Amino acid sequence: MARKFQHSYEVCTCKHVTLGEIIHVIKDRNASSIEEIGALSDAGTCCKSCVNAKLDKGEKKMELYLEEIVNKFVKK
């Protein structure tokens, strides 16, 4: 995830959840999985296109997926 995204970048368009909100639930609320992020922010709970490229059913693919965010910010 070498690309730069503003915290206001909308990752989940169905629920209008931004990158900043997702980072907040990871860092401040200790979410460590896509499921926990969804439970705390609603991201990825509707059509699931924002979860990863495989689940993205849109004509135009998304630029950033929850899976990428988890891989970057969640400590393993």
PDB file of N, CA and C in Angstrom:
ATOM      1  N   MET A   1       0.853  -1.180   0.000  1.00  0.00           N
ATOM      2  CA  MET A   1       0.000   0.000   0.000  1.00  0.00           C
ATOM      3  C   MET A   1       0.890   1.231   0.000  1.00  0.00           C
ATOM      4  N   ALA A   2       1.659   1.380  -1.026  1.00  0.00           N
ATOM      5  CA  ALA A   2       2.578   2.509  -1.133  1.00  0.00           C
ATOM      6  C   ALA A   2       1.873   3.785  -1.575  1.00  0.00           C
ATOM      7  N   ARG A   3       0.654   3.658  -2.052  1.00  0.00           N
ATOM      8  CA  ARG A   3      -0.090   4.846  -2.497  1.00  0.00           C
ATOM      9  C   ARG A   3      -0.499   5.688  -1.301  1.00  0.00           C
ATOM     10  N   LYS A   4      -0.684   6.965  -1.543  1.00  0.00           N
ATOM     11  CA  LYS A   4      -1.099   7.887  -0.479  1.00  0.00           C
ATOM     12  C   LYS A   4      -2.603   8.136  -0.586  1.00  0.00           C
ATOM     13  N   PHE A   5      -3.288   7.980   0.520  1.00  0.00           N
ATOM     14  CA  PHE A   5      -4.714   8.264   0.591  1.00  0.00           C
ATOM     15  C   PHE A   5      -4.959   9.192   1.760  1.00  0.00           C
ATOM     16  N   GLN A   6      -5.832  10.154   1.575  1.00  0.00           N
ATOM     17  CA  GLN A   6      -6.237  11.048   2.656  1.00  0.00           C
ATOM     18  C   GLN A   6      -7.111  10.263   3.637  1.00  0.00           C
ATOM     19  N   HIS A   7      -7.134  10.675   4.880  1.00  0.00           N
ATOM     20  CA  HIS A   7      -7.999  10.021   5.864  1.00  0.00           C
ATOM     21  C   HIS A   7      -9.463  10.178   5.494  1.00  0.00           C
ATOM     22  N   SER A   8      -9.788  11.150   4.664  1.00  0.00           N
ATOM     23  CA  SER A   8     -11.170  11.362   4.234  1.00  0.00           C
ATOM     24  C   SER A   8     -11.557  10.475   3.049  1.00  0.00           C
ATOM     25  N   TYR A   9     -10.610   9.671   2.539  1.00  0.00           N
ATOM     26  CA  TYR A   9     -10.898   8.778   1.412  1.00  0.00           C
ATOM     27  C   TYR A   9     -11.948   7.750   1.837  1.00  0.00           C
ATOM     28  N   GLU A  10     -13.022   7.651   1.061  1.00  0.00           N
ATOM     29  CA  GLU A  10     -14.113   6.738   1.377  1.00  0.00           C
ATOM     30  C   GLU A  10     -13.762   5.326   0.897  1.00  0.00           C
ATOM     31  N   VAL A  11     -13.511   4.434   1.835  1.00  0.00           N
ATOM     32  CA  VAL A  11     -13.160   3.052   1.520  1.00  0.00           C
ATOM     33  C   VAL A  11     -14.427   2.250   1.245  1.00  0.00           C
ATOM     34  N   CYS A  12     -15.419   2.373   2.112  1.00  0.00           N
ATOM     35  CA  CYS A  12     -16.692   1.657   1.965  1.00  0.00           C
ATOM     36  C   CYS A  12     -17.746   2.642   1.479  1.00  0.00           C
ATOM     37  N   THR A  13     -18.080   2.535   0.202  1.00  0.00           N
ATOM     38  CA  THR A  13     -19.028   3.493  -0.369  1.00  0.00           C
ATOM     39  C   THR A  13     -20.469   3.204   0.044  1.00  0.00           C
ATOM     40  N   CYS A  14     -20.805   1.954   0.346  1.00  0.00           N
ATOM     41  CA  CYS A  14     -22.175   1.631   0.778  1.00  0.00           C
ATOM     42  C   CYS A  14     -22.516   2.294   2.107  1.00  0.00           C
ATOM     43  N   LYS A  15     -21.585   2.219   3.043  1.00  0.00           N
ATOM     44  CA  LYS A  15     -21.810   2.741   4.396  1.00  0.00           C
ATOM     45  C   LYS A  15     -21.091   4.059   4.640  1.00  0.00           C
ATOM     46  N   HIS A  16     -20.397   4.579   3.614  1.00  0.00           N
ATOM     47  CA  HIS A  16     -19.698   5.868   3.687  1.00  0.00           C
ATOM     48  C   HIS A  16     -18.668   5.906   4.823  1.00  0.00           C
ATOM     49  N   VAL A  17     -17.849   4.862   4.896  1.00  0.00           N
ATOM     50  CA  VAL A  17     -16.824   4.769   5.935  1.00  0.00           C
ATOM     51  C   VAL A  17     -15.478   5.173   5.336  1.00  0.00           C
ATOM     52  N   THR A  18     -14.805   6.083   6.007  1.00  0.00           N
ATOM     53  CA  THR A  18     -13.538   6.610   5.502  1.00  0.00           C
ATOM     54  C   THR A  18     -12.335   5.833   6.033  1.00  0.00           C
ATOM     55  N   LEU A  19     -11.218   6.048   5.380  1.00  0.00           N
ATOM     56  CA  LEU A  19      -9.960   5.452   5.817  1.00  0.00           C
ATOM     57  C   LEU A  19      -9.647   5.875   7.248  1.00  0.00           C
ATOM     58  N   GLY A  20      -9.866   7.139   7.566  1.00  0.00           N
ATOM     59  CA  GLY A  20      -9.607   7.639   8.918  1.00  0.00           C
ATOM     60  C   GLY A  20     -10.428   6.907   9.970  1.00  0.00           C
ATOM     61  N   GLU A  21     -11.690   6.630   9.673  1.00  0.00           N
ATOM     62  CA  GLU A  21     -12.535   5.901  10.616  1.00  0.00           C
ATOM     63  C   GLU A  21     -12.027   4.474  10.808  1.00  0.00           C
ATOM     64  N   ILE A  22     -11.577   3.859   9.732  1.00  0.00           N
ATOM     65  CA  ILE A  22     -11.057   2.492   9.804  1.00  0.00           C
ATOM     66  C   ILE A  22      -9.765   2.454  10.613  1.00  0.00           C
ATOM     67  N   ILE A  23      -8.886   3.394  10.366  1.00  0.00           N
ATOM     68  CA  ILE A  23      -7.639   3.460  11.140  1.00  0.00           C
ATOM     69  C   ILE A  23      -7.953   3.688  12.619  1.00  0.00           C
ATOM     70  N   HIS A  24      -8.951   4.511  12.901  1.00  0.00           N
ATOM     71  CA  HIS A  24      -9.355   4.763  14.289  1.00  0.00           C
ATOM     72  C   HIS A  24      -9.790   3.469  14.981  1.00  0.00           C
ATOM     73  N   VAL A  25     -10.629   2.648  14.329  1.00  0.00           N
ATOM     74  CA  VAL A  25     -11.088   1.425  14.997  1.00  0.00           C
ATOM     75  C   VAL A  25      -9.961   0.403  15.140  1.00  0.00           C
ATOM     76  N   ILE A  26      -8.963   0.462  14.265  1.00  0.00           N
ATOM     77  CA  ILE A  26      -7.810  -0.429  14.407  1.00  0.00           C
ATOM     78  C   ILE A  26      -6.918   0.024  15.555  1.00  0.00           C
ATOM     79  N   LYS A  27      -6.562   1.299  15.555  1.00  0.00           N
ATOM     80  CA  LYS A  27      -5.591   1.802  16.539  1.00  0.00           C
ATOM     81  C   LYS A  27      -6.196   2.098  17.905  1.00  0.00           C
ATOM     82  N   ASP A  28      -7.384   2.691  17.941  1.00  0.00           N
ATOM     83  CA  ASP A  28      -7.949   3.128  19.215  1.00  0.00           C
ATOM     84  C   ASP A  28      -8.962   2.158  19.817  1.00  0.00           C
ATOM     85  N   ARG A  29      -9.554   1.300  18.973  1.00  0.00           N
ATOM     86  CA  ARG A  29     -10.562   0.370  19.485  1.00  0.00           C
ATOM     87  C   ARG A  29     -10.109  -1.076  19.329  1.00  0.00           C
ATOM     88  N   ASN A  30      -8.841  -1.244  18.897  1.00  0.00           N
ATOM     89  CA  ASN A  30      -8.177  -2.552  18.837  1.00  0.00           C
ATOM     90  C   ASN A  30      -8.816  -3.574  17.907  1.00  0.00           C
ATOM     91  N   ALA A  31      -9.438  -3.121  16.838  1.00  0.00           N
ATOM     92  CA  ALA A  31      -9.953  -4.060  15.838  1.00  0.00           C
ATOM     93  C   ALA A  31      -8.760  -4.712  15.146  1.00  0.00           C
ATOM     94  N   SER A  32      -8.828  -6.020  14.955  1.00  0.00           N
ATOM     95  CA  SER A  32      -7.697  -6.717  14.352  1.00  0.00           C
ATOM     96  C   SER A  32      -8.092  -7.606  13.181  1.00  0.00           C
ATOM     97  N   SER A  33      -9.333  -7.485  12.719  1.00  0.00           N
ATOM     98  CA  SER A  33      -9.791  -8.267  11.573  1.00  0.00           C
ATOM     99  C   SER A  33     -10.833  -7.466  10.797  1.00  0.00           C
ATOM    100  N   ILE A  34     -11.099  -7.913   9.602  1.00  0.00           N
ATOM    101  CA  ILE A  34     -12.120  -7.254   8.778  1.00  0.00           C
ATOM    102  C   ILE A  34     -13.479  -7.352   9.471  1.00  0.00           C
ATOM    103  N   GLU A  35     -13.747  -8.471  10.122  1.00  0.00           N
ATOM    104  CA  GLU A  35     -15.018  -8.656  10.822  1.00  0.00           C
ATOM    105  C   GLU A  35     -15.155  -7.668  11.981  1.00  0.00           C
ATOM    106  N   GLU A  36     -14.081  -7.480  12.745  1.00  0.00           N
ATOM    107  CA  GLU A  36     -14.119  -6.532  13.864  1.00  0.00           C
ATOM    108  C   GLU A  36     -14.252  -5.102  13.356  1.00  0.00           C
ATOM    109  N   ILE A  37     -13.580  -4.785  12.271  1.00  0.00           N
ATOM    110  CA  ILE A  37     -13.715  -3.448  11.675  1.00  0.00           C
ATOM    111  C   ILE A  37     -15.164  -3.221  11.264  1.00  0.00           C
ATOM    112  N   GLY A  38     -15.775  -4.222  10.660  1.00  0.00           N
ATOM    113  CA  GLY A  38     -17.179  -4.126  10.264  1.00  0.00           C
ATOM    114  C   GLY A  38     -18.106  -3.930  11.449  1.00  0.00           C
ATOM    115  N   ALA A  39     -17.850  -4.658  12.531  1.00  0.00           N
ATOM    116  CA  ALA A  39     -18.692  -4.544  13.717  1.00  0.00           C
ATOM    117  C   ALA A  39     -18.601  -3.161  14.351  1.00  0.00           C
ATOM    118  N   LEU A  40     -17.425  -2.546  14.268  1.00  0.00           N
ATOM    119  CA  LEU A  40     -17.219  -1.242  14.900  1.00  0.00           C
ATOM    120  C   LEU A  40     -17.492  -0.048  13.985  1.00  0.00           C
ATOM    121  N   SER A  41     -17.446  -0.267  12.665  1.00  0.00           N
ATOM    122  CA  SER A  41     -17.600   0.874  11.753  1.00  0.00           C
ATOM    123  C   SER A  41     -18.641   0.665  10.655  1.00  0.00           C
ATOM    124  N   ASP A  42     -19.119  -0.542  10.490  1.00  0.00           N
ATOM    125  CA  ASP A  42     -20.038  -0.950   9.409  1.00  0.00           C
ATOM    126  C   ASP A  42     -19.340  -1.140   8.065  1.00  0.00           C
ATOM    127  N   ALA A  43     -18.062  -0.860   7.965  1.00  0.00           N
ATOM    128  CA  ALA A  43     -17.345  -1.040   6.694  1.00  0.00           C
ATOM    129  C   ALA A  43     -17.349  -2.516   6.300  1.00  0.00           C
ATOM    130  N   GLY A  44     -17.648  -2.785   5.046  1.00  0.00           N
ATOM    131  CA  GLY A  44     -17.611  -4.146   4.533  1.00  0.00           C
ATOM    132  C   GLY A  44     -18.785  -5.008   4.930  1.00  0.00           C
ATOM    133  N   THR A  45     -19.844  -4.412   5.447  1.00  0.00           N
ATOM    134  CA  THR A  45     -20.981  -5.210   5.920  1.00  0.00           C
ATOM    135  C   THR A  45     -22.154  -5.240   4.949  1.00  0.00           C
ATOM    136  N   CYS A  46     -22.051  -4.541   3.845  1.00  0.00           N
ATOM    137  CA  CYS A  46     -23.178  -4.483   2.914  1.00  0.00           C
ATOM    138  C   CYS A  46     -22.874  -5.337   1.681  1.00  0.00           C
ATOM    139  N   CYS A  47     -22.345  -4.760   0.628  1.00  0.00           N
ATOM    140  CA  CYS A  47     -22.092  -5.507  -0.613  1.00  0.00           C
ATOM    141  C   CYS A  47     -20.763  -6.264  -0.593  1.00  0.00           C
ATOM    142  N   LYS A  48     -19.879  -5.895   0.315  1.00  0.00           N
ATOM    143  CA  LYS A  48     -18.560  -6.506   0.523  1.00  0.00           C
ATOM    144  C   LYS A  48     -17.541  -6.220  -0.585  1.00  0.00           C
ATOM    145  N   SER A  49     -17.851  -5.340  -1.523  1.00  0.00           N
ATOM    146  CA  SER A  49     -16.905  -5.001  -2.589  1.00  0.00           C
ATOM    147  C   SER A  49     -15.647  -4.336  -2.064  1.00  0.00           C
ATOM    148  N   CYS A  50     -15.716  -3.715  -0.896  1.00  0.00           N
ATOM    149  CA  CYS A  50     -14.553  -3.027  -0.336  1.00  0.00           C
ATOM    150  C   CYS A  50     -13.627  -3.956   0.439  1.00  0.00           C
ATOM    151  N   VAL A  51     -14.016  -5.213   0.603  1.00  0.00           N
ATOM    152  CA  VAL A  51     -13.205  -6.145   1.391  1.00  0.00           C
ATOM    153  C   VAL A  51     -11.917  -6.514   0.662  1.00  0.00           C
ATOM    154  N   ASN A  52     -12.021  -6.953  -0.587  1.00  0.00           N
ATOM    155  CA  ASN A  52     -10.837  -7.286  -1.389  1.00  0.00           C
ATOM    156  C   ASN A  52     -11.217  -7.327  -2.866  1.00  0.00           C
ATOM    157  N   ALA A  53     -10.231  -7.382  -3.732  1.00  0.00           N
ATOM    158  CA  ALA A  53     -10.475  -7.331  -5.179  1.00  0.00           C
ATOM    159  C   ALA A  53     -11.303  -8.514  -5.657  1.00  0.00           C
ATOM    160  N   LYS A  54     -11.155  -9.645  -5.021  1.00  0.00           N
ATOM    161  CA  LYS A  54     -11.899 -10.850  -5.408  1.00  0.00           C
ATOM    162  C   LYS A  54     -13.408 -10.671  -5.205  1.00  0.00           C
ATOM    163  N   LEU A  55     -13.792  -9.962  -4.154  1.00  0.00           N
ATOM    164  CA  LEU A  55     -15.206  -9.733  -3.854  1.00  0.00           C
ATOM    165  C   LEU A  55     -15.764  -8.481  -4.540  1.00  0.00           C
ATOM    166  N   ASP A  56     -14.904  -7.688  -5.144  1.00  0.00           N
ATOM    167  CA  ASP A  56     -15.321  -6.441  -5.798  1.00  0.00           C
ATOM    168  C   ASP A  56     -16.046  -6.767  -7.099  1.00  0.00           C
ATOM    169  N   LYS A  57     -17.345  -6.541  -7.101  1.00  0.00           N
ATOM    170  CA  LYS A  57     -18.174  -6.863  -8.254  1.00  0.00           C
ATOM    171  C   LYS A  57     -18.456  -5.653  -9.150  1.00  0.00           C
ATOM    172  N   GLY A  58     -17.894  -4.520  -8.799  1.00  0.00           N
ATOM    173  CA  GLY A  58     -18.133  -3.302  -9.564  1.00  0.00           C
ATOM    174  C   GLY A  58     -17.400  -3.311 -10.897  1.00  0.00           C
ATOM    175  N   GLU A  59     -17.911  -2.532 -11.836  1.00  0.00           N
ATOM    176  CA  GLU A  59     -17.254  -2.401 -13.144  1.00  0.00           C
ATOM    177  C   GLU A  59     -15.887  -1.748 -12.990  1.00  0.00           C
ATOM    178  N   LYS A  60     -15.844  -0.711 -12.175  1.00  0.00           N
ATOM    179  CA  LYS A  60     -14.593  -0.006 -11.892  1.00  0.00           C
ATOM    180  C   LYS A  60     -14.095  -0.482 -10.535  1.00  0.00           C
ATOM    181  N   LYS A  61     -12.928  -1.111 -10.503  1.00  0.00           N
ATOM    182  CA  LYS A  61     -12.393  -1.653  -9.259  1.00  0.00           C
ATOM    183  C   LYS A  61     -12.015  -0.527  -8.297  1.00  0.00           C
ATOM    184  N   MET A  62     -12.100  -0.829  -7.027  1.00  0.00           N
ATOM    185  CA  MET A  62     -11.762   0.145  -5.997  1.00  0.00           C
ATOM    186  C   MET A  62     -10.246   0.334  -5.953  1.00  0.00           C
ATOM    187  N   GLU A  63      -9.819   1.447  -5.408  1.00  0.00           N
ATOM    188  CA  GLU A  63      -8.391   1.747  -5.309  1.00  0.00           C
ATOM    189  C   GLU A  63      -7.764   1.208  -4.028  1.00  0.00           C
ATOM    190  N   LEU A  64      -8.580   0.981  -3.007  1.00  0.00           N
ATOM    191  CA  LEU A  64      -8.084   0.549  -1.702  1.00  0.00           C
ATOM    192  C   LEU A  64      -9.113  -0.379  -1.072  1.00  0.00           C
ATOM    193  N   TYR A  65      -8.643  -1.491  -0.533  1.00  0.00           N
ATOM    194  CA  TYR A  65      -9.526  -2.488   0.067  1.00  0.00           C
ATOM    195  C   TYR A  65      -9.220  -2.666   1.554  1.00  0.00           C
ATOM    196  N   LEU A  66     -10.232  -3.102   2.296  1.00  0.00           N
ATOM    197  CA  LEU A  66     -10.062  -3.358   3.726  1.00  0.00           C
ATOM    198  C   LEU A  66      -8.928  -4.346   3.984  1.00  0.00           C
ATOM    199  N   GLU A  67      -8.815  -5.345   3.153  1.00  0.00           N
ATOM    200  CA  GLU A  67      -7.754  -6.342   3.323  1.00  0.00           C
ATOM    201  C   GLU A  67      -6.368  -5.688   3.304  1.00  0.00           C
ATOM    202  N   GLU A  68      -6.164  -4.729   2.414  1.00  0.00           N
ATOM    203  CA  GLU A  68      -4.882  -4.018   2.345  1.00  0.00           C
ATOM    204  C   GLU A  68      -4.641  -3.202   3.613  1.00  0.00           C
ATOM    205  N   ILE A  69      -5.689  -2.567   4.104  1.00  0.00           N
ATOM    206  CA  ILE A  69      -5.573  -1.733   5.299  1.00  0.00           C
ATOM    207  C   ILE A  69      -5.218  -2.603   6.506  1.00  0.00           C
ATOM    208  N   VAL A  70      -5.897  -3.737   6.645  1.00  0.00           N
ATOM    209  CA  VAL A  70      -5.609  -4.655   7.746  1.00  0.00           C
ATOM    210  C   VAL A  70      -4.167  -5.150   7.653  1.00  0.00           C
ATOM    211  N   ASN A  71      -3.735  -5.516   6.458  1.00  0.00           N
ATOM    212  CA  ASN A  71      -2.367  -6.011   6.292  1.00  0.00           C
ATOM    213  C   ASN A  71      -1.326  -4.968   6.663  1.00  0.00           C
ATOM    214  N   LYS A  72      -1.646  -3.686   6.472  1.00  0.00           N
ATOM    215  CA  LYS A  72      -0.688  -2.638   6.794  1.00  0.00           C
ATOM    216  C   LYS A  72      -0.710  -2.227   8.269  1.00  0.00           C
ATOM    217  N   PHE A  73      -1.894  -2.128   8.854  1.00  0.00           N
ATOM    218  CA  PHE A  73      -2.015  -1.528  10.182  1.00  0.00           C
ATOM    219  C   PHE A  73      -2.167  -2.500  11.344  1.00  0.00           C
ATOM    220  N   VAL A  74      -2.587  -3.721  11.091  1.00  0.00           N
ATOM    221  CA  VAL A  74      -2.790  -4.661  12.190  1.00  0.00           C
ATOM    222  C   VAL A  74      -1.496  -5.397  12.465  1.00  0.00           C
ATOM    223  N   LYS A  75      -1.045  -5.316  13.692  1.00  0.00           N
ATOM    224  CA  LYS A  75       0.186  -5.982  14.109  1.00  0.00           C
ATOM    225  C   LYS A  75      -0.083  -7.467  14.293  1.00  0.00           C
ATOM    226  N   LYS A  76       0.781  -8.289  13.720  1.00  0.00           N
ATOM    227  CA  LYS A  76       0.578  -9.742  13.823  1.00  0.00           C
ATOM    228  C   LYS A  76       1.517 -10.357  14.812  1.00  0.00           C
TER     229      LYS A  76
END
